[in-house]
PDB file of N, CA and C in Angstrom:
ATOM      1  N   MET A   1       0.718  -1.278  -0.014  1.00  0.00           N
ATOM      2  CA  MET A   1       0.140   0.172  -0.147  1.00  0.00           C
ATOM      3  C   MET A   1       0.872   1.258   0.228  1.00  0.00           C
ATOM      4  N   SER A   2       1.931   1.186   0.533  1.00  0.00           N
ATOM      5  CA  SER A   2       3.019   2.320   0.809  1.00  0.00           C
ATOM      6  C   SER A   2       3.379   2.804  -0.387  1.00  0.00           C
ATOM      7  N   SER A   3       3.701   1.737  -1.398  1.00  0.00           N
ATOM      8  CA  SER A   3       4.189   2.124  -2.779  1.00  0.00           C
ATOM      9  C   SER A   3       3.174   2.871  -3.734  1.00  0.00           C
ATOM     10  N   PHE A   4       1.787   2.247  -3.435  1.00  0.00           N
ATOM     11  CA  PHE A   4       1.128   3.304  -4.336  1.00  0.00           C
ATOM     12  C   PHE A   4       0.544   4.499  -3.676  1.00  0.00           C
ATOM     13  N   LYS A   5       0.771   4.732  -2.408  1.00  0.00           N
ATOM     14  CA  LYS A   5       0.798   5.773  -1.715  1.00  0.00           C
ATOM     15  C   LYS A   5       1.727   6.652  -2.469  1.00  0.00           C
ATOM     16  N   ASP A   6       3.127   6.332  -2.418  1.00  0.00           N
ATOM     17  CA  ASP A   6       4.047   6.947  -2.825  1.00  0.00           C
ATOM     18  C   ASP A   6       4.159   7.254  -4.300  1.00  0.00           C
ATOM     19  N   ASN A   7       3.517   6.562  -4.770  1.00  0.00           N
ATOM     20  CA  ASN A   7       3.419   6.859  -6.737  1.00  0.00           C
ATOM     21  C   ASN A   7       2.637   7.635  -6.671  1.00  0.00           C
ATOM     22  N   LEU A   8       1.371   7.592  -5.986  1.00  0.00           N
ATOM     23  CA  LEU A   8      -0.041   8.735  -6.070  1.00  0.00           C
ATOM     24  C   LEU A   8       0.533   9.906  -5.637  1.00  0.00           C
ATOM     25  N   PHE A   9       1.320  10.183  -4.341  1.00  0.00           N
ATOM     26  CA  PHE A   9       1.731  11.292  -4.476  1.00  0.00           C
ATOM     27  C   PHE A   9       2.841  12.131  -5.356  1.00  0.00           C
ATOM     28  N   ASN A  10       4.134  11.024  -5.824  1.00  0.00           N
ATOM     29  CA  ASN A  10       4.758  11.319  -7.154  1.00  0.00           C
ATOM     30  C   ASN A  10       4.379  11.891  -7.989  1.00  0.00           C
ATOM     31  N   ASN A  11       3.030  11.021  -8.356  1.00  0.00           N
ATOM     32  CA  ASN A  11       2.075  11.818  -9.800  1.00  0.00           C
ATOM     33  C   ASN A  11       1.642  12.966  -9.266  1.00  0.00           C
ATOM     34  N   ILE A  12       1.101  13.270  -8.355  1.00  0.00           N
ATOM     35  CA  ILE A  12       0.429  14.358  -7.975  1.00  0.00           C
ATOM     36  C   ILE A  12       1.179  15.690  -7.986  1.00  0.00           C
ATOM     37  N   GLU A  13       2.569  15.132  -7.384  1.00  0.00           N
ATOM     38  CA  GLU A  13       3.641  16.447  -7.296  1.00  0.00           C
ATOM     39  C   GLU A  13       4.014  16.837  -8.634  1.00  0.00           C
ATOM     40  N   LYS A  14       4.300  15.851  -9.203  1.00  0.00           N
ATOM     41  CA  LYS A  14       4.757  15.934 -10.897  1.00  0.00           C
ATOM     42  C   LYS A  14       3.837  16.904 -11.726  1.00  0.00           C
ATOM     43  N   LYS A  15       2.408  16.503 -11.633  1.00  0.00           N
ATOM     44  CA  LYS A  15       1.564  16.943 -12.790  1.00  0.00           C
ATOM     45  C   LYS A  15       1.325  18.811 -11.990  1.00  0.00           C
ATOM     46  N   SER A  16       1.170  18.830 -10.501  1.00  0.00           N
ATOM     47  CA  SER A  16       0.693  20.282  -9.972  1.00  0.00           C
ATOM     48  C   SER A  16       1.772  20.879  -9.062  1.00  0.00           C
ATOM     49  N   ASN A  17       3.194  20.106  -9.092  1.00  0.00           N
ATOM     50  CA  ASN A  17       3.939  20.931  -8.440  1.00  0.00           C
ATOM     51  C   ASN A  17       3.314  21.318  -6.664  1.00  0.00           C
ATOM     52  N   ILE A  18       2.487  20.434  -6.180  1.00  0.00           N
ATOM     53  CA  ILE A  18       2.152  20.873  -4.569  1.00  0.00           C
ATOM     54  C   ILE A  18       2.700  19.301  -3.974  1.00  0.00           C
ATOM     55  N   LYS A  19       3.337  19.789  -3.121  1.00  0.00           N
ATOM     56  CA  LYS A  19       4.373  18.996  -2.080  1.00  0.00           C
ATOM     57  C   LYS A  19       3.086  18.251  -1.541  1.00  0.00           C
ATOM     58  N   GLN A  20       3.592  16.922  -1.301  1.00  0.00           N
ATOM     59  CA  GLN A  20       2.525  15.883  -0.401  1.00  0.00           C
ATOM     60  C   GLN A  20       2.251  16.453   1.102  1.00  0.00           C
ATOM     61  N   ASP A  21       3.419  17.159   1.924  1.00  0.00           N
ATOM     62  CA  ASP A  21       2.950  17.582   3.146  1.00  0.00           C
ATOM     63  C   ASP A  21       2.121  18.979   2.609  1.00  0.00           C
ATOM     64  N   ASP A  22       1.878  19.819   1.899  1.00  0.00           N
ATOM     65  CA  ASP A  22       0.933  20.619   1.416  1.00  0.00           C
ATOM     66  C   ASP A  22      -0.358  19.883   1.288  1.00  0.00           C
ATOM     67  N   ILE A  23      -0.366  18.946   0.686  1.00  0.00           N
ATOM     68  CA  ILE A  23      -1.856  18.397   0.297  1.00  0.00           C
ATOM     69  C   ILE A  23      -2.377  18.042   1.546  1.00  0.00           C
ATOM     70  N   TYR A  24      -1.744  17.366   2.674  1.00  0.00           N
ATOM     71  CA  TYR A  24      -2.090  16.710   3.551  1.00  0.00           C
ATOM     72  C   TYR A  24      -2.416  17.999   4.388  1.00  0.00           C
ATOM     73  N   LYS A  25      -1.905  19.349   4.314  1.00  0.00           N
ATOM     74  CA  LYS A  25      -2.465  20.601   5.313  1.00  0.00           C
ATOM     75  C   LYS A  25      -4.151  20.669   4.771  1.00  0.00           C
ATOM     76  N   VAL A  26      -3.956  21.039   3.244  1.00  0.00           N
ATOM     77  CA  VAL A  26      -5.242  21.292   2.675  1.00  0.00           C
ATOM     78  C   VAL A  26      -6.175  20.254   3.280  1.00  0.00           C
ATOM     79  N   ALA A  27      -5.928  19.183   3.098  1.00  0.00           N
ATOM     80  CA  ALA A  27      -7.027  17.877   3.442  1.00  0.00           C
ATOM     81  C   ALA A  27      -7.669  18.317   5.005  1.00  0.00           C
ATOM     82  N   ASN A  28      -6.619  18.637   5.830  1.00  0.00           N
ATOM     83  CA  ASN A  28      -6.837  18.661   7.253  1.00  0.00           C
ATOM     84  C   ASN A  28      -7.439  19.604   7.237  1.00  0.00           C
ATOM     85  N   SER A  29      -7.132  20.945   6.556  1.00  0.00           N
ATOM     86  CA  SER A  29      -7.993  22.160   6.954  1.00  0.00           C
ATOM     87  C   SER A  29      -9.709  22.055   6.049  1.00  0.00           C
ATOM     88  N   VAL A  30      -9.297  21.525   5.501  1.00  0.00           N
ATOM     89  CA  VAL A  30     -11.418  20.845   5.032  1.00  0.00           C
ATOM     90  C   VAL A  30     -11.752  20.149   5.563  1.00  0.00           C
ATOM     91  N   LYS A  31     -11.288  19.031   6.497  1.00  0.00           N
ATOM     92  CA  LYS A  31     -11.927  17.865   6.871  1.00  0.00           C
ATOM     93  C   LYS A  31     -13.387  18.203   7.386  1.00  0.00           C
ATOM     94  N   HIS A  32     -13.760  18.917   8.091  1.00  0.00           N
ATOM     95  CA  HIS A  32     -15.033  19.326   8.241  1.00  0.00           C
ATOM     96  C   HIS A  32     -15.781  20.509   7.639  1.00  0.00           C
ATOM     97  N   ALA A  33     -15.184  20.823   6.632  1.00  0.00           N
ATOM     98  CA  ALA A  33     -15.650  22.069   5.674  1.00  0.00           C
ATOM     99  C   ALA A  33     -17.098  21.624   5.230  1.00  0.00           C
ATOM    100  N   ASP A  34     -17.758  23.069   4.997  1.00  0.00           N
ATOM    101  CA  ASP A  34     -18.954  22.808   4.477  1.00  0.00           C
ATOM    102  C   ASP A  34     -18.993  23.068   2.940  1.00  0.00           C
ATOM    103  N   PHE A  35     -19.114  22.338   2.476  1.00  0.00           N
ATOM    104  CA  PHE A  35     -18.751  21.873   0.420  1.00  0.00           C
ATOM    105  C   PHE A  35     -20.362  22.934  -0.126  1.00  0.00           C
ATOM    106  N   SER A  36     -21.047  22.828   0.597  1.00  0.00           N
ATOM    107  CA  SER A  36     -22.230  23.640   0.362  1.00  0.00           C
ATOM    108  C   SER A  36     -22.324  25.138   0.311  1.00  0.00           C
ATOM    109  N   ASP A  37     -21.231  25.271   1.177  1.00  0.00           N
ATOM    110  CA  ASP A  37     -20.971  27.020   1.158  1.00  0.00           C
ATOM    111  C   ASP A  37     -20.008  27.484   0.396  1.00  0.00           C
ATOM    112  N   GLU A  38     -20.997  28.601  -0.730  1.00  0.00           N
ATOM    113  CA  GLU A  38     -19.840  29.141  -1.895  1.00  0.00           C
ATOM    114  C   GLU A  38     -18.789  29.772  -1.325  1.00  0.00           C
ATOM    115  N   LYS A  39     -18.530  30.749  -0.353  1.00  0.00           N
ATOM    116  CA  LYS A  39     -17.322  30.809  -0.049  1.00  0.00           C
ATOM    117  C   LYS A  39     -16.284  30.229   0.278  1.00  0.00           C
ATOM    118  N   THR A  40     -16.392  29.278   1.113  1.00  0.00           N
ATOM    119  CA  THR A  40     -15.641  27.901   1.289  1.00  0.00           C
ATOM    120  C   THR A  40     -15.070  27.283   0.476  1.00  0.00           C
ATOM    121  N   VAL A  41     -15.928  27.161  -0.668  1.00  0.00           N
ATOM    122  CA  VAL A  41     -15.480  26.407  -1.847  1.00  0.00           C
ATOM    123  C   VAL A  41     -14.642  27.041  -2.768  1.00  0.00           C
ATOM    124  N   ARG A  42     -14.737  28.571  -2.941  1.00  0.00           N
ATOM    125  CA  ARG A  42     -13.890  29.348  -3.591  1.00  0.00           C
ATOM    126  C   ARG A  42     -12.399  29.614  -2.835  1.00  0.00           C
ATOM    127  N   ASN A  43     -12.814  29.667  -1.680  1.00  0.00           N
ATOM    128  CA  ASN A  43     -11.439  30.166  -0.786  1.00  0.00           C
ATOM    129  C   ASN A  43     -10.708  28.846  -1.156  1.00  0.00           C
ATOM    130  N   LEU A  44     -10.962  27.529  -1.078  1.00  0.00           N
ATOM    131  CA  LEU A  44     -10.369  26.333  -1.282  1.00  0.00           C
ATOM    132  C   LEU A  44      -9.843  26.098  -2.782  1.00  0.00           C
ATOM    133  N   ILE A  45     -10.523  26.713  -3.930  1.00  0.00           N
ATOM    134  CA  ILE A  45     -10.016  26.670  -5.167  1.00  0.00           C
ATOM    135  C   ILE A  45      -9.285  27.566  -5.200  1.00  0.00           C
ATOM    136  N   ARG A  46      -8.908  29.026  -5.003  1.00  0.00           N
ATOM    137  CA  ARG A  46      -8.370  29.662  -5.128  1.00  0.00           C
ATOM    138  C   ARG A  46      -6.919  29.369  -4.204  1.00  0.00           C
ATOM    139  N   GLN A  47      -6.920  28.610  -3.221  1.00  0.00           N
ATOM    140  CA  GLN A  47      -5.544  28.299  -2.308  1.00  0.00           C
ATOM    141  C   GLN A  47      -5.216  27.406  -2.884  1.00  0.00           C
ATOM    142  N   LEU A  48      -5.916  26.564  -3.682  1.00  0.00           N
ATOM    143  CA  LEU A  48      -5.076  25.325  -4.462  1.00  0.00           C
ATOM    144  C   LEU A  48      -4.460  25.814  -5.961  1.00  0.00           C
ATOM    145  N   SER A  49      -5.228  26.923  -6.133  1.00  0.00           N
ATOM    146  CA  SER A  49      -4.912  27.286  -7.684  1.00  0.00           C
ATOM    147  C   SER A  49      -3.539  28.151  -7.398  1.00  0.00           C
ATOM    148  N   ARG A  50      -3.538  28.828  -6.114  1.00  0.00           N
ATOM    149  CA  ARG A  50      -1.781  29.606  -5.736  1.00  0.00           C
ATOM    150  C   ARG A  50      -0.985  28.332  -5.565  1.00  0.00           C
ATOM    151  N   MET A  51      -1.170  27.328  -4.658  1.00  0.00           N
ATOM    152  CA  MET A  51      -0.273  26.173  -4.309  1.00  0.00           C
ATOM    153  C   MET A  51       0.208  25.827  -5.989  1.00  0.00           C
ATOM    154  N   ALA A  52      -0.645  25.475  -6.880  1.00  0.00           N
ATOM    155  CA  ALA A  52      -0.203  24.697  -7.874  1.00  0.00           C
ATOM    156  C   ALA A  52       0.376  25.554  -9.141  1.00  0.00           C
ATOM    157  N   ASN A  53       0.181  27.157  -8.569  1.00  0.00           N
ATOM    158  CA  ASN A  53       0.605  28.017  -9.799  1.00  0.00           C
ATOM    159  C   ASN A  53      -0.203  27.663 -10.945  1.00  0.00           C
ATOM    160  N   LYS A  54      -1.377  27.578 -11.030  1.00  0.00           N
ATOM    161  CA  LYS A  54      -1.915  27.427 -11.730  1.00  0.00           C
ATOM    162  C   LYS A  54      -3.184  28.408 -11.705  1.00  0.00           C
ATOM    163  N   PRO A  55      -3.193  29.544 -12.672  1.00  0.00           N
ATOM    164  CA  PRO A  55      -4.386  30.398 -12.811  1.00  0.00           C
ATOM    165  C   PRO A  55      -5.808  29.740 -12.892  1.00  0.00           C
ATOM    166  N   VAL A  56      -7.008  30.080 -12.394  1.00  0.00           N
ATOM    167  CA  VAL A  56      -8.200  29.703 -12.649  1.00  0.00           C
ATOM    168  C   VAL A  56      -8.885  30.503 -12.800  1.00  0.00           C
ATOM    169  N   SER A  57      -9.661  30.837 -14.167  1.00  0.00           N
ATOM    170  CA  SER A  57     -10.523  31.553 -14.870  1.00  0.00           C
ATOM    171  C   SER A  57     -11.854  31.809 -13.938  1.00  0.00           C
ATOM    172  N   LYS A  58     -12.126  33.019 -13.754  1.00  0.00           N
ATOM    173  CA  LYS A  58     -13.408  33.651 -13.207  1.00  0.00           C
ATOM    174  C   LYS A  58     -14.456  32.470 -13.645  1.00  0.00           C
ATOM    175  N   GLU A  59     -14.465  32.364 -15.145  1.00  0.00           N
ATOM    176  CA  GLU A  59     -15.752  31.390 -15.300  1.00  0.00           C
ATOM    177  C   GLU A  59     -15.287  29.780 -14.885  1.00  0.00           C
ATOM    178  N   LYS A  60     -13.925  29.061 -15.060  1.00  0.00           N
ATOM    179  CA  LYS A  60     -13.965  28.355 -14.359  1.00  0.00           C
ATOM    180  C   LYS A  60     -14.127  27.756 -13.275  1.00  0.00           C
ATOM    181  N   GLU A  61     -13.778  28.533 -12.182  1.00  0.00           N
ATOM    182  CA  GLU A  61     -13.932  28.843 -10.760  1.00  0.00           C
ATOM    183  C   GLU A  61     -15.562  28.748 -10.609  1.00  0.00           C
ATOM    184  N   ASP A  62     -16.318  29.330 -11.475  1.00  0.00           N
ATOM    185  CA  ASP A  62     -18.065  29.592 -11.237  1.00  0.00           C
ATOM    186  C   ASP A  62     -18.208  28.087 -11.285  1.00  0.00           C
ATOM    187  N   LYS A  63     -17.881  27.536 -12.300  1.00  0.00           N
ATOM    188  CA  LYS A  63     -18.565  25.970 -12.719  1.00  0.00           C
ATOM    189  C   LYS A  63     -17.919  25.038 -11.706  1.00  0.00           C
ATOM    190  N   ILE A  64     -16.874  24.985 -11.178  1.00  0.00           N
ATOM    191  CA  ILE A  64     -16.255  24.257 -10.153  1.00  0.00           C
ATOM    192  C   ILE A  64     -17.057  24.381  -8.774  1.00  0.00           C
ATOM    193  N   VAL A  65     -17.546  25.797  -8.231  1.00  0.00           N
ATOM    194  CA  VAL A  65     -18.167  26.033  -7.225  1.00  0.00           C
ATOM    195  C   VAL A  65     -19.690  25.614  -7.489  1.00  0.00           C
ATOM    196  N   GLN A  66     -20.135  25.929  -8.530  1.00  0.00           N
ATOM    197  CA  GLN A  66     -21.525  25.443  -8.939  1.00  0.00           C
ATOM    198  C   GLN A  66     -21.516  23.703  -8.417  1.00  0.00           C
ATOM    199  N   SER A  67     -20.660  23.053  -9.052  1.00  0.00           N
ATOM    200  CA  SER A  67     -20.773  21.925  -9.294  1.00  0.00           C
ATOM    201  C   SER A  67     -20.599  21.166  -7.872  1.00  0.00           C
ATOM    202  N   ILE A  68     -19.604  21.759  -7.278  1.00  0.00           N
ATOM    203  CA  ILE A  68     -19.432  21.257  -5.640  1.00  0.00           C
ATOM    204  C   ILE A  68     -20.351  21.776  -4.726  1.00  0.00           C
ATOM    205  N   THR A  69     -21.127  22.864  -4.937  1.00  0.00           N
ATOM    206  CA  THR A  69     -22.305  23.155  -3.963  1.00  0.00           C
ATOM    207  C   THR A  69     -23.359  22.563  -4.115  1.00  0.00           C
ATOM    208  N   LYS A  70     -23.637  22.319  -5.154  1.00  0.00           N
ATOM    209  CA  LYS A  70     -24.861  21.499  -5.972  1.00  0.00           C
ATOM    210  C   LYS A  70     -24.919  20.040  -5.649  1.00  0.00           C
ATOM    211  N   ASN A  71     -23.808  19.493  -5.552  1.00  0.00           N
ATOM    212  CA  ASN A  71     -23.354  17.977  -5.031  1.00  0.00           C
ATOM    213  C   ASN A  71     -23.396  17.659  -6.660  1.00  0.00           C
ATOM    214  N   ASN A  72     -22.906  18.194  -7.368  1.00  0.00           N
ATOM    215  CA  ASN A  72     -22.825  17.778  -8.798  1.00  0.00           C
ATOM    216  C   ASN A  72     -21.354  17.382  -9.338  1.00  0.00           C
ATOM    217  N   MET A  73     -20.531  16.873  -8.310  1.00  0.00           N
ATOM    218  CA  MET A  73     -19.369  16.740  -8.511  1.00  0.00           C
ATOM    219  C   MET A  73     -19.247  15.164  -9.344  1.00  0.00           C
ATOM    220  N   PRO A  74     -18.338  15.055 -10.384  1.00  0.00           N
ATOM    221  CA  PRO A  74     -18.124  13.650 -10.907  1.00  0.00           C
ATOM    222  C   PRO A  74     -17.523  12.528 -10.299  1.00  0.00           C
ATOM    223  N   VAL A  75     -17.939  11.286 -10.068  1.00  0.00           N
ATOM    224  CA  VAL A  75     -17.417  10.456  -9.143  1.00  0.00           C
ATOM    225  C   VAL A  75     -16.115   9.852  -9.569  1.00  0.00           C
ATOM    226  N   ASP A  76     -15.784   9.793 -11.007  1.00  0.00           N
ATOM    227  CA  ASP A  76     -14.558   9.165 -11.792  1.00  0.00           C
ATOM    228  C   ASP A  76     -13.435   9.874 -11.927  1.00  0.00           C
ATOM    229  N   MET A  77     -12.328   9.775 -11.809  1.00  0.00           N
ATOM    230  CA  MET A  77     -11.274  10.767 -11.959  1.00  0.00           C
ATOM    231  C   MET A  77     -11.390  11.313 -13.719  1.00  0.00           C
ATOM    232  N   GLN A  78     -11.987  10.471 -14.633  1.00  0.00           N
ATOM    233  CA  GLN A  78     -12.002  10.828 -15.999  1.00  0.00           C
ATOM    234  C   GLN A  78     -13.253  12.132 -16.100  1.00  0.00           C
ATOM    235  N   SER A  79     -14.028  11.812 -15.444  1.00  0.00           N
ATOM    236  CA  SER A  79     -15.007  12.985 -15.755  1.00  0.00           C
ATOM    237  C   SER A  79     -14.431  14.170 -14.662  1.00  0.00           C
ATOM    238  N   LEU A  80     -13.934  14.032 -13.617  1.00  0.00           N
ATOM    239  CA  LEU A  80     -13.279  15.384 -12.972  1.00  0.00           C
ATOM    240  C   LEU A  80     -12.286  15.901 -13.664  1.00  0.00           C
ATOM    241  N   SER A  81     -11.543  14.879 -14.180  1.00  0.00           N
ATOM    242  CA  SER A  81     -10.216  15.793 -14.951  1.00  0.00           C
ATOM    243  C   SER A  81     -10.871  16.737 -16.217  1.00  0.00           C
ATOM    244  N   LYS A  82     -12.149  16.049 -16.739  1.00  0.00           N
ATOM    245  CA  LYS A  82     -12.814  16.893 -17.587  1.00  0.00           C
ATOM    246  C   LYS A  82     -13.324  18.266 -16.882  1.00  0.00           C
ATOM    247  N   LEU A  83     -13.701  18.174 -15.965  1.00  0.00           N
ATOM    248  CA  LEU A  83     -14.640  19.584 -15.334  1.00  0.00           C
ATOM    249  C   LEU A  83     -13.294  20.216 -15.186  1.00  0.00           C
ATOM    250  N   PHE A  84     -11.940  19.995 -14.904  1.00  0.00           N
ATOM    251  CA  PHE A  84     -11.163  21.276 -14.526  1.00  0.00           C
ATOM    252  C   PHE A  84     -10.362  21.453 -15.786  1.00  0.00           C
ATOM    253  N   LYS A  85     -10.646  20.934 -16.962  1.00  0.00           N
ATOM    254  CA  LYS A  85     -10.008  21.066 -18.329  1.00  0.00           C
ATOM    255  C   LYS A  85     -10.816  22.081 -19.222  1.00  0.00           C
ATOM    256  N   LYS A  86     -12.297  22.238 -18.455  1.00  0.00           N
ATOM    257  CA  LYS A  86     -13.050  23.020 -19.314  1.00  0.00           C
ATOM    258  C   LYS A  86     -12.576  24.354 -19.477  1.00  0.00           C
TER     259      LYS A  86
END
């Protein structure tokens, strides 16, 4: 299991430039977050965008926020990836 976890985080770091420790910090900070709250979701998106040094347009942010707050998040990685690429 450790090998799988290491490979997963290595791939995330390569694609996003976000360190494993930073991922854990964000995950812990949103453990009990209210994802139906637009402000909470926008803050999280902006935080992740800054960490990855990947700007998110207002239009894309709006789509992501709407999907998350309305509980319309994709359940598989392929669909989730498409949402972020739009």
